[in-house]
Amino acid sequence: MRLVAVALLPINEGSLRYGSNNAGQSIYNSDKKLNMYIEQVANKLNIKGHPVGLLRKMLFGPGDLEGHYGDDDRYYIIDFARLYPPEPPSLRK
């Protein structure tokens, strides 16, 4: 038997404020407060900003990272699995 639990966040497609949810066709970074938070975290992780998409909008981290402003007036970051580089597989058995 396996149990999988997933949190239901108070976000929707209209709450996206940072990153992209459509493979880079649309890039969002218009929320100054969220941009500041993400840049602070990126600085601590030594991640540099880079231009993303056709309009070359500046993002810190992967382009598919999503920052949302939830219905409860809080910020949520999702899809950040590619924030860190992949680890090689363990050779221990």
PDB file of N, CA and C in Angstrom:
ATOM      1  N   MET A   1       0.847  -1.168   0.000  1.00  0.00           N
ATOM      2  CA  MET A   1       0.000   0.000   0.000  1.00  0.00           C
ATOM      3  C   MET A   1       0.897   1.237   0.000  1.00  0.00           C
ATOM      4  N   ARG A   2       0.490   2.275  -0.723  1.00  0.00           N
ATOM      5  CA  ARG A   2       1.246   3.517  -0.784  1.00  0.00           C
ATOM      6  C   ARG A   2       0.275   4.683  -0.638  1.00  0.00           C
ATOM      7  N   LEU A   3       0.691   5.654   0.161  1.00  0.00           N
ATOM      8  CA  LEU A   3      -0.107   6.858   0.355  1.00  0.00           C
ATOM      9  C   LEU A   3       0.687   8.038  -0.169  1.00  0.00           C
ATOM     10  N   VAL A   4       0.083   8.837  -1.033  1.00  0.00           N
ATOM     11  CA  VAL A   4       0.713  10.042  -1.559  1.00  0.00           C
ATOM     12  C   VAL A   4      -0.129  11.231  -1.118  1.00  0.00           C
ATOM     13  N   ALA A   5       0.524  12.185  -0.454  1.00  0.00           N
ATOM     14  CA  ALA A   5      -0.193  13.376   0.019  1.00  0.00           C
ATOM     15  C   ALA A   5       0.362  14.601  -0.699  1.00  0.00           C
ATOM     16  N   VAL A   6      -0.523  15.446  -1.168  1.00  0.00           N
ATOM     17  CA  VAL A   6      -0.132  16.653  -1.889  1.00  0.00           C
ATOM     18  C   VAL A   6      -0.881  17.836  -1.285  1.00  0.00           C
ATOM     19  N   ALA A   7      -0.157  18.903  -1.004  1.00  0.00           N
ATOM     20  CA  ALA A   7      -0.800  20.101  -0.472  1.00  0.00           C
ATOM     21  C   ALA A   7      -1.535  20.837  -1.593  1.00  0.00           C
ATOM     22  N   LEU A   8      -2.711  21.320  -1.306  1.00  0.00           N
ATOM     23  CA  LEU A   8      -3.457  22.132  -2.259  1.00  0.00           C
ATOM     24  C   LEU A   8      -3.149  23.593  -1.951  1.00  0.00           C
ATOM     25  N   LEU A   9      -2.444  24.229  -2.850  1.00  0.00           N
ATOM     26  CA  LEU A   9      -2.047  25.622  -2.648  1.00  0.00           C
ATOM     27  C   LEU A   9      -3.121  26.569  -3.176  1.00  0.00           C
ATOM     28  N   PRO A  10      -3.240  27.739  -2.571  1.00  0.00           N
ATOM     29  CA  PRO A  10      -4.240  28.715  -3.022  1.00  0.00           C
ATOM     30  C   PRO A  10      -3.730  29.531  -4.212  1.00  0.00           C
ATOM     31  N   ILE A  11      -3.331  28.825  -5.270  1.00  0.00           N
ATOM     32  CA  ILE A  11      -2.811  29.487  -6.471  1.00  0.00           C
ATOM     33  C   ILE A  11      -3.586  28.991  -7.681  1.00  0.00           C
ATOM     34  N   ASN A  12      -3.476  29.744  -8.771  1.00  0.00           N
ATOM     35  CA  ASN A  12      -4.091  29.343 -10.035  1.00  0.00           C
ATOM     36  C   ASN A  12      -3.244  29.933 -11.167  1.00  0.00           C
ATOM     37  N   GLU A  13      -3.646  29.725 -12.379  1.00  0.00           N
ATOM     38  CA  GLU A  13      -2.869  30.225 -13.514  1.00  0.00           C
ATOM     39  C   GLU A  13      -2.758  31.745 -13.500  1.00  0.00           C
ATOM     40  N   GLY A  14      -3.753  32.427 -12.988  1.00  0.00           N
ATOM     41  CA  GLY A  14      -3.732  33.881 -12.926  1.00  0.00           C
ATOM     42  C   GLY A  14      -2.884  34.446 -11.802  1.00  0.00           C
ATOM     43  N   SER A  15      -2.398  33.591 -10.906  1.00  0.00           N
ATOM     44  CA  SER A  15      -1.604  34.070  -9.780  1.00  0.00           C
ATOM     45  C   SER A  15      -0.101  34.070 -10.078  1.00  0.00           C
ATOM     46  N   LEU A  16       0.305  33.639 -11.261  1.00  0.00           N
ATOM     47  CA  LEU A  16       1.717  33.574 -11.626  1.00  0.00           C
ATOM     48  C   LEU A  16       2.310  34.979 -11.715  1.00  0.00           C
ATOM     49  N   ARG A  17       3.414  35.209 -10.971  1.00  0.00           N
ATOM     50  CA  ARG A  17       4.072  36.513 -10.945  1.00  0.00           C
ATOM     51  C   ARG A  17       5.544  36.448 -11.340  1.00  0.00           C
ATOM     52  N   TYR A  18       6.113  35.227 -11.393  1.00  0.00           N
ATOM     53  CA  TYR A  18       7.539  35.091 -11.670  1.00  0.00           C
ATOM     54  C   TYR A  18       7.777  33.781 -12.409  1.00  0.00           C
ATOM     55  N   GLY A  19       8.590  33.830 -13.450  1.00  0.00           N
ATOM     56  CA  GLY A  19       8.946  32.624 -14.191  1.00  0.00           C
ATOM     57  C   GLY A  19       7.992  32.337 -15.329  1.00  0.00           C
ATOM     58  N   SER A  20       7.910  31.066 -15.691  1.00  0.00           N
ATOM     59  CA  SER A  20       7.095  30.656 -16.828  1.00  0.00           C
ATOM     60  C   SER A  20       6.399  29.340 -16.531  1.00  0.00           C
ATOM     61  N   ASN A  21       5.171  29.214 -17.016  1.00  0.00           N
ATOM     62  CA  ASN A  21       4.446  27.948 -16.892  1.00  0.00           C
ATOM     63  C   ASN A  21       4.080  27.386 -18.265  1.00  0.00           C
ATOM     64  N   ASN A  22       4.701  27.928 -19.312  1.00  0.00           N
ATOM     65  CA  ASN A  22       4.390  27.451 -20.669  1.00  0.00           C
ATOM     66  C   ASN A  22       5.656  27.334 -21.523  1.00  0.00           C
ATOM     67  N   ALA A  23       6.686  26.751 -20.960  1.00  0.00           N
ATOM     68  CA  ALA A  23       7.951  26.483 -21.664  1.00  0.00           C
ATOM     69  C   ALA A  23       8.608  27.748 -22.211  1.00  0.00           C
ATOM     70  N   GLY A  24       8.471  28.849 -21.491  1.00  0.00           N
ATOM     71  CA  GLY A  24       9.162  30.070 -21.864  1.00  0.00           C
ATOM     72  C   GLY A  24       8.462  30.952 -22.878  1.00  0.00           C
ATOM     73  N   GLN A  25       7.260  30.589 -23.300  1.00  0.00           N
ATOM     74  CA  GLN A  25       6.543  31.449 -24.239  1.00  0.00           C
ATOM     75  C   GLN A  25       6.149  32.766 -23.576  1.00  0.00           C
ATOM     76  N   SER A  26       5.802  32.708 -22.291  1.00  0.00           N
ATOM     77  CA  SER A  26       5.502  33.905 -21.494  1.00  0.00           C
ATOM     78  C   SER A  26       6.407  33.878 -20.273  1.00  0.00           C
ATOM     79  N   ILE A  27       7.079  34.980 -20.009  1.00  0.00           N
ATOM     80  CA  ILE A  27       7.965  35.102 -18.860  1.00  0.00           C
ATOM     81  C   ILE A  27       7.434  36.231 -17.982  1.00  0.00           C
ATOM     82  N   TYR A  28       7.298  35.958 -16.691  1.00  0.00           N
ATOM     83  CA  TYR A  28       6.782  36.951 -15.755  1.00  0.00           C
ATOM     84  C   TYR A  28       7.864  37.341 -14.747  1.00  0.00           C
ATOM     85  N   ASN A  29       7.986  38.623 -14.473  1.00  0.00           N
ATOM     86  CA  ASN A  29       8.868  39.128 -13.415  1.00  0.00           C
ATOM     87  C   ASN A  29       8.453  40.543 -13.019  1.00  0.00           C
ATOM     88  N   SER A  30       7.164  40.798 -12.973  1.00  0.00           N
ATOM     89  CA  SER A  30       6.676  42.163 -12.752  1.00  0.00           C
ATOM     90  C   SER A  30       6.428  42.508 -11.286  1.00  0.00           C
ATOM     91  N   ASP A  31       6.425  41.536 -10.391  1.00  0.00           N
ATOM     92  CA  ASP A  31       6.163  41.790  -8.980  1.00  0.00           C
ATOM     93  C   ASP A  31       7.479  42.143  -8.281  1.00  0.00           C
ATOM     94  N   LYS A  32       7.678  43.411  -7.990  1.00  0.00           N
ATOM     95  CA  LYS A  32       8.957  43.895  -7.444  1.00  0.00           C
ATOM     96  C   LYS A  32       9.322  43.234  -6.117  1.00  0.00           C
ATOM     97  N   LYS A  33       8.340  43.021  -5.258  1.00  0.00           N
ATOM     98  CA  LYS A  33       8.606  42.407  -3.958  1.00  0.00           C
ATOM     99  C   LYS A  33       9.058  40.952  -4.123  1.00  0.00           C
ATOM    100  N   LEU A  34       8.369  40.194  -4.976  1.00  0.00           N
ATOM    101  CA  LEU A  34       8.747  38.808  -5.224  1.00  0.00           C
ATOM    102  C   LEU A  34      10.109  38.740  -5.900  1.00  0.00           C
ATOM    103  N   ASN A  35      10.361  39.644  -6.850  1.00  0.00           N
ATOM    104  CA  ASN A  35      11.683  39.690  -7.491  1.00  0.00           C
ATOM    105  C   ASN A  35      12.779  39.878  -6.448  1.00  0.00           C
ATOM    106  N   MET A  36      12.548  40.773  -5.488  1.00  0.00           N
ATOM    107  CA  MET A  36      13.529  41.041  -4.434  1.00  0.00           C
ATOM    108  C   MET A  36      13.769  39.778  -3.597  1.00  0.00           C
ATOM    109  N   TYR A  37      12.693  39.090  -3.198  1.00  0.00           N
ATOM    110  CA  TYR A  37      12.840  37.866  -2.410  1.00  0.00           C
ATOM    111  C   TYR A  37      13.645  36.808  -3.167  1.00  0.00           C
ATOM    112  N   ILE A  38      13.299  36.608  -4.431  1.00  0.00           N
ATOM    113  CA  ILE A  38      13.987  35.577  -5.214  1.00  0.00           C
ATOM    114  C   ILE A  38      15.441  35.951  -5.436  1.00  0.00           C
ATOM    115  N   GLU A  39      15.720  37.215  -5.676  1.00  0.00           N
ATOM    116  CA  GLU A  39      17.109  37.638  -5.855  1.00  0.00           C
ATOM    117  C   GLU A  39      17.907  37.455  -4.562  1.00  0.00           C
ATOM    118  N   GLN A  40      17.314  37.714  -3.408  1.00  0.00           N
ATOM    119  CA  GLN A  40      18.004  37.504  -2.137  1.00  0.00           C
ATOM    120  C   GLN A  40      18.359  36.030  -1.930  1.00  0.00           C
ATOM    121  N   VAL A  41      17.418  35.148  -2.225  1.00  0.00           N
ATOM    122  CA  VAL A  41      17.681  33.714  -2.099  1.00  0.00           C
ATOM    123  C   VAL A  41      18.756  33.286  -3.098  1.00  0.00           C
ATOM    124  N   ALA A  42      18.669  33.784  -4.326  1.00  0.00           N
ATOM    125  CA  ALA A  42      19.657  33.439  -5.353  1.00  0.00           C
ATOM    126  C   ALA A  42      21.057  33.888  -4.935  1.00  0.00           C
ATOM    127  N   ASN A  43      21.170  35.057  -4.338  1.00  0.00           N
ATOM    128  CA  ASN A  43      22.475  35.528  -3.876  1.00  0.00           C
ATOM    129  C   ASN A  43      23.048  34.599  -2.819  1.00  0.00           C
ATOM    130  N   LYS A  44      22.213  34.132  -1.895  1.00  0.00           N
ATOM    131  CA  LYS A  44      22.684  33.210  -0.861  1.00  0.00           C
ATOM    132  C   LYS A  44      23.104  31.869  -1.449  1.00  0.00           C
ATOM    133  N   LEU A  45      22.458  31.458  -2.544  1.00  0.00           N
ATOM    134  CA  LEU A  45      22.792  30.192  -3.199  1.00  0.00           C
ATOM    135  C   LEU A  45      23.845  30.360  -4.299  1.00  0.00           C
ATOM    136  N   ASN A  46      24.339  31.595  -4.467  1.00  0.00           N
ATOM    137  CA  ASN A  46      25.320  31.919  -5.503  1.00  0.00           C
ATOM    138  C   ASN A  46      24.795  31.598  -6.911  1.00  0.00           C
ATOM    139  N   ILE A  47      23.553  31.970  -7.150  1.00  0.00           N
ATOM    140  CA  ILE A  47      22.932  31.788  -8.465  1.00  0.00           C
ATOM    141  C   ILE A  47      22.816  33.158  -9.113  1.00  0.00           C
ATOM    142  N   LYS A  48      23.336  33.290 -10.299  1.00  0.00           N
ATOM    143  CA  LYS A  48      23.336  34.570 -11.006  1.00  0.00           C
ATOM    144  C   LYS A  48      22.093  34.708 -11.881  1.00  0.00           C
ATOM    145  N   GLY A  49      21.666  35.939 -12.079  1.00  0.00           N
ATOM    146  CA  GLY A  49      20.549  36.211 -12.964  1.00  0.00           C
ATOM    147  C   GLY A  49      20.960  36.047 -14.420  1.00  0.00           C
ATOM    148  N   HIS A  50      19.991  35.744 -15.254  1.00  0.00           N
ATOM    149  CA  HIS A  50      20.259  35.593 -16.684  1.00  0.00           C
ATOM    150  C   HIS A  50      18.987  35.928 -17.468  1.00  0.00           C
ATOM    151  N   PRO A  51      19.139  36.422 -18.705  1.00  0.00           N
ATOM    152  CA  PRO A  51      17.963  36.741 -19.524  1.00  0.00           C
ATOM    153  C   PRO A  51      17.283  35.465 -20.027  1.00  0.00           C
ATOM    154  N   VAL A  52      15.948  35.473 -20.005  1.00  0.00           N
ATOM    155  CA  VAL A  52      15.163  34.303 -20.393  1.00  0.00           C
ATOM    156  C   VAL A  52      14.092  34.724 -21.391  1.00  0.00           C
ATOM    157  N   GLY A  53      13.841  33.869 -22.370  1.00  0.00           N
ATOM    158  CA  GLY A  53      12.762  34.089 -23.325  1.00  0.00           C
ATOM    159  C   GLY A  53      13.116  35.058 -24.435  1.00  0.00           C
ATOM    160  N   LEU A  54      12.175  35.247 -25.340  1.00  0.00           N
ATOM    161  CA  LEU A  54      12.396  36.132 -26.482  1.00  0.00           C
ATOM    162  C   LEU A  54      12.562  37.589 -26.068  1.00  0.00           C
ATOM    163  N   LEU A  55      11.882  37.988 -24.998  1.00  0.00           N
ATOM    164  CA  LEU A  55      11.996  39.371 -24.525  1.00  0.00           C
ATOM    165  C   LEU A  55      13.174  39.555 -23.576  1.00  0.00           C
ATOM    166  N   ARG A  56      13.892  38.466 -23.304  1.00  0.00           N
ATOM    167  CA  ARG A  56      15.119  38.503 -22.494  1.00  0.00           C
ATOM    168  C   ARG A  56      14.884  39.106 -21.115  1.00  0.00           C
ATOM    169  N   LYS A  57      13.832  38.664 -20.441  1.00  0.00           N
ATOM    170  CA  LYS A  57      13.548  39.149 -19.084  1.00  0.00           C
ATOM    171  C   LYS A  57      14.518  38.491 -18.104  1.00  0.00           C
ATOM    172  N   MET A  58      14.989  39.258 -17.130  1.00  0.00           N
ATOM    173  CA  MET A  58      15.973  38.771 -16.182  1.00  0.00           C
ATOM    174  C   MET A  58      15.319  37.903 -15.117  1.00  0.00           C
ATOM    175  N   LEU A  59      15.815  36.658 -14.979  1.00  0.00           N
ATOM    176  CA  LEU A  59      15.358  35.740 -13.943  1.00  0.00           C
ATOM    177  C   LEU A  59      16.560  35.185 -13.200  1.00  0.00           C
ATOM    178  N   PHE A  60      16.338  34.793 -11.967  1.00  0.00           N
ATOM    179  CA  PHE A  60      17.347  34.118 -11.170  1.00  0.00           C
ATOM    180  C   PHE A  60      16.863  32.689 -10.973  1.00  0.00           C
ATOM    181  N   GLY A  61      17.623  31.737 -11.465  1.00  0.00           N
ATOM    182  CA  GLY A  61      17.216  30.343 -11.398  1.00  0.00           C
ATOM    183  C   GLY A  61      16.662  29.887 -12.728  1.00  0.00           C
ATOM    184  N   PRO A  62      16.116  28.675 -12.765  1.00  0.00           N
ATOM    185  CA  PRO A  62      15.597  28.136 -14.031  1.00  0.00           C
ATOM    186  C   PRO A  62      14.371  28.910 -14.517  1.00  0.00           C
ATOM    187  N   GLY A  63      14.198  28.958 -15.808  1.00  0.00           N
ATOM    188  CA  GLY A  63      13.080  29.693 -16.391  1.00  0.00           C
ATOM    189  C   GLY A  63      11.733  29.100 -16.068  1.00  0.00           C
ATOM    190  N   ASP A  64      11.691  27.796 -15.745  1.00  0.00           N
ATOM    191  CA  ASP A  64      10.400  27.180 -15.448  1.00  0.00           C
ATOM    192  C   ASP A  64      10.054  27.219 -13.962  1.00  0.00           C
ATOM    193  N   LEU A  65      10.878  27.870 -13.146  1.00  0.00           N
ATOM    194  CA  LEU A  65      10.521  28.106 -11.746  1.00  0.00           C
ATOM    195  C   LEU A  65       9.319  29.043 -11.735  1.00  0.00           C
ATOM    196  N   GLU A  66       8.347  28.772 -10.892  1.00  0.00           N
ATOM    197  CA  GLU A  66       7.143  29.601 -10.849  1.00  0.00           C
ATOM    198  C   GLU A  66       6.984  30.246  -9.484  1.00  0.00           C
ATOM    199  N   GLY A  67       6.772  31.554  -9.475  1.00  0.00           N
ATOM    200  CA  GLY A  67       6.453  32.288  -8.258  1.00  0.00           C
ATOM    201  C   GLY A  67       5.024  32.792  -8.357  1.00  0.00           C
ATOM    202  N   HIS A  68       4.213  32.462  -7.382  1.00  0.00           N
ATOM    203  CA  HIS A  68       2.791  32.830  -7.395  1.00  0.00           C
ATOM    204  C   HIS A  68       2.453  33.698  -6.194  1.00  0.00           C
ATOM    205  N   TYR A  69       1.474  34.570  -6.373  1.00  0.00           N
ATOM    206  CA  TYR A  69       0.892  35.329  -5.275  1.00  0.00           C
ATOM    207  C   TYR A  69      -0.461  34.701  -4.996  1.00  0.00           C
ATOM    208  N   GLY A  70      -0.563  34.008  -3.872  1.00  0.00           N
ATOM    209  CA  GLY A  70      -1.745  33.215  -3.563  1.00  0.00           C
ATOM    210  C   GLY A  70      -2.956  34.024  -3.147  1.00  0.00           C
ATOM    211  N   ASP A  71      -4.092  33.342  -3.142  1.00  0.00           N
ATOM    212  CA  ASP A  71      -5.356  33.957  -2.718  1.00  0.00           C
ATOM    213  C   ASP A  71      -5.325  34.372  -1.250  1.00  0.00           C
ATOM    214  N   ASP A  72      -4.360  33.850  -0.483  1.00  0.00           N
ATOM    215  CA  ASP A  72      -4.231  34.180   0.933  1.00  0.00           C
ATOM    216  C   ASP A  72      -3.184  35.276   1.178  1.00  0.00           C
ATOM    217  N   ASP A  73      -2.809  36.001   0.114  1.00  0.00           N
ATOM    218  CA  ASP A  73      -1.845  37.107   0.190  1.00  0.00           C
ATOM    219  C   ASP A  73      -0.445  36.657   0.616  1.00  0.00           C
ATOM    220  N   ARG A  74      -0.068  35.439   0.246  1.00  0.00           N
ATOM    221  CA  ARG A  74       1.274  34.921   0.492  1.00  0.00           C
ATOM    222  C   ARG A  74       1.905  34.542  -0.838  1.00  0.00           C
ATOM    223  N   TYR A  75       3.237  34.507  -0.845  1.00  0.00           N
ATOM    224  CA  TYR A  75       3.960  34.076  -2.042  1.00  0.00           C
ATOM    225  C   TYR A  75       4.264  32.589  -1.957  1.00  0.00           C
ATOM    226  N   TYR A  76       4.210  31.915  -3.116  1.00  0.00           N
ATOM    227  CA  TYR A  76       4.515  30.494  -3.210  1.00  0.00           C
ATOM    228  C   TYR A  76       5.460  30.280  -4.388  1.00  0.00           C
ATOM    229  N   ILE A  77       6.465  29.438  -4.175  1.00  0.00           N
ATOM    230  CA  ILE A  77       7.399  29.061  -5.235  1.00  0.00           C
ATOM    231  C   ILE A  77       7.186  27.583  -5.511  1.00  0.00           C
ATOM    232  N   ILE A  78       6.970  27.239  -6.773  1.00  0.00           N
ATOM    233  CA  ILE A  78       6.798  25.835  -7.159  1.00  0.00           C
ATOM    234  C   ILE A  78       7.679  25.542  -8.364  1.00  0.00           C
ATOM    235  N   ASP A  79       7.822  24.272  -8.664  1.00  0.00           N
ATOM    236  CA  ASP A  79       8.594  23.790  -9.818  1.00  0.00           C
ATOM    237  C   ASP A  79      10.050  24.252  -9.765  1.00  0.00           C
ATOM    238  N   PHE A  80      10.686  24.072  -8.622  1.00  0.00           N
ATOM    239  CA  PHE A  80      12.082  24.498  -8.504  1.00  0.00           C
ATOM    240  C   PHE A  80      13.040  23.311  -8.450  1.00  0.00           C
ATOM    241  N   ALA A  81      12.635  22.174  -9.014  1.00  0.00           N
ATOM    242  CA  ALA A  81      13.483  20.982  -9.003  1.00  0.00           C
ATOM    243  C   ALA A  81      14.799  21.208  -9.753  1.00  0.00           C
ATOM    244  N   ARG A  82      14.800  22.053 -10.774  1.00  0.00           N
ATOM    245  CA  ARG A  82      16.023  22.286 -11.555  1.00  0.00           C
ATOM    246  C   ARG A  82      16.869  23.427 -10.990  1.00  0.00           C
ATOM    247  N   LEU A  83      16.547  23.879  -9.788  1.00  0.00           N
ATOM    248  CA  LEU A  83      17.320  24.952  -9.172  1.00  0.00           C
ATOM    249  C   LEU A  83      18.748  24.504  -8.883  1.00  0.00           C
ATOM    250  N   TYR A  84      18.905  23.271  -8.433  1.00  0.00           N
ATOM    251  CA  TYR A  84      20.231  22.717  -8.138  1.00  0.00           C
ATOM    252  C   TYR A  84      20.655  21.790  -9.267  1.00  0.00           C
ATOM    253  N   PRO A  85      21.970  21.633  -9.462  1.00  0.00           N
ATOM    254  CA  PRO A  85      22.421  20.703 -10.502  1.00  0.00           C
ATOM    255  C   PRO A  85      22.090  19.267 -10.102  1.00  0.00           C
ATOM    256  N   PRO A  86      21.943  18.375 -11.070  1.00  0.00           N
ATOM    257  CA  PRO A  86      21.639  16.985 -10.747  1.00  0.00           C
ATOM    258  C   PRO A  86      22.824  16.332 -10.050  1.00  0.00           C
ATOM    259  N   GLU A  87      22.524  15.330  -9.247  1.00  0.00           N
ATOM    260  CA  GLU A  87      23.579  14.581  -8.575  1.00  0.00           C
ATOM    261  C   GLU A  87      23.825  13.297  -9.345  1.00  0.00           C
ATOM    262  N   PRO A  88      25.082  12.884  -9.398  1.00  0.00           N
ATOM    263  CA  PRO A  88      25.351  11.605 -10.076  1.00  0.00           C
ATOM    264  C   PRO A  88      24.733  10.459  -9.282  1.00  0.00           C
ATOM    265  N   PRO A  89      24.394   9.356  -9.948  1.00  0.00           N
ATOM    266  CA  PRO A  89      23.819   8.222  -9.218  1.00  0.00           C
ATOM    267  C   PRO A  89      24.847   7.613  -8.276  1.00  0.00           C
ATOM    268  N   SER A  90      24.372   7.095  -7.185  1.00  0.00           N
ATOM    269  CA  SER A  90      25.261   6.440  -6.216  1.00  0.00           C
ATOM    270  C   SER A  90      25.703   5.091  -6.763  1.00  0.00           C
ATOM    271  N   LEU A  91      26.976   4.775  -6.626  1.00  0.00           N
ATOM    272  CA  LEU A  91      27.503   3.500  -7.103  1.00  0.00           C
ATOM    273  C   LEU A  91      27.533   2.463  -5.996  1.00  0.00           C
ATOM    274  N   ARG A  92      27.094   2.850  -4.789  1.00  0.00           N
ATOM    275  CA  ARG A  92      27.054   1.897  -3.678  1.00  0.00           C
ATOM    276  C   ARG A  92      25.901   0.932  -3.830  1.00  0.00           C
ATOM    277  N   LYS A  93      26.125  -0.291  -3.420  1.00  0.00           N
ATOM    278  CA  LYS A  93      25.064  -1.301  -3.487  1.00  0.00           C
ATOM    279  C   LYS A  93      24.806  -1.875  -2.140  1.00  0.00           C
TER     280      LYS A  93
END
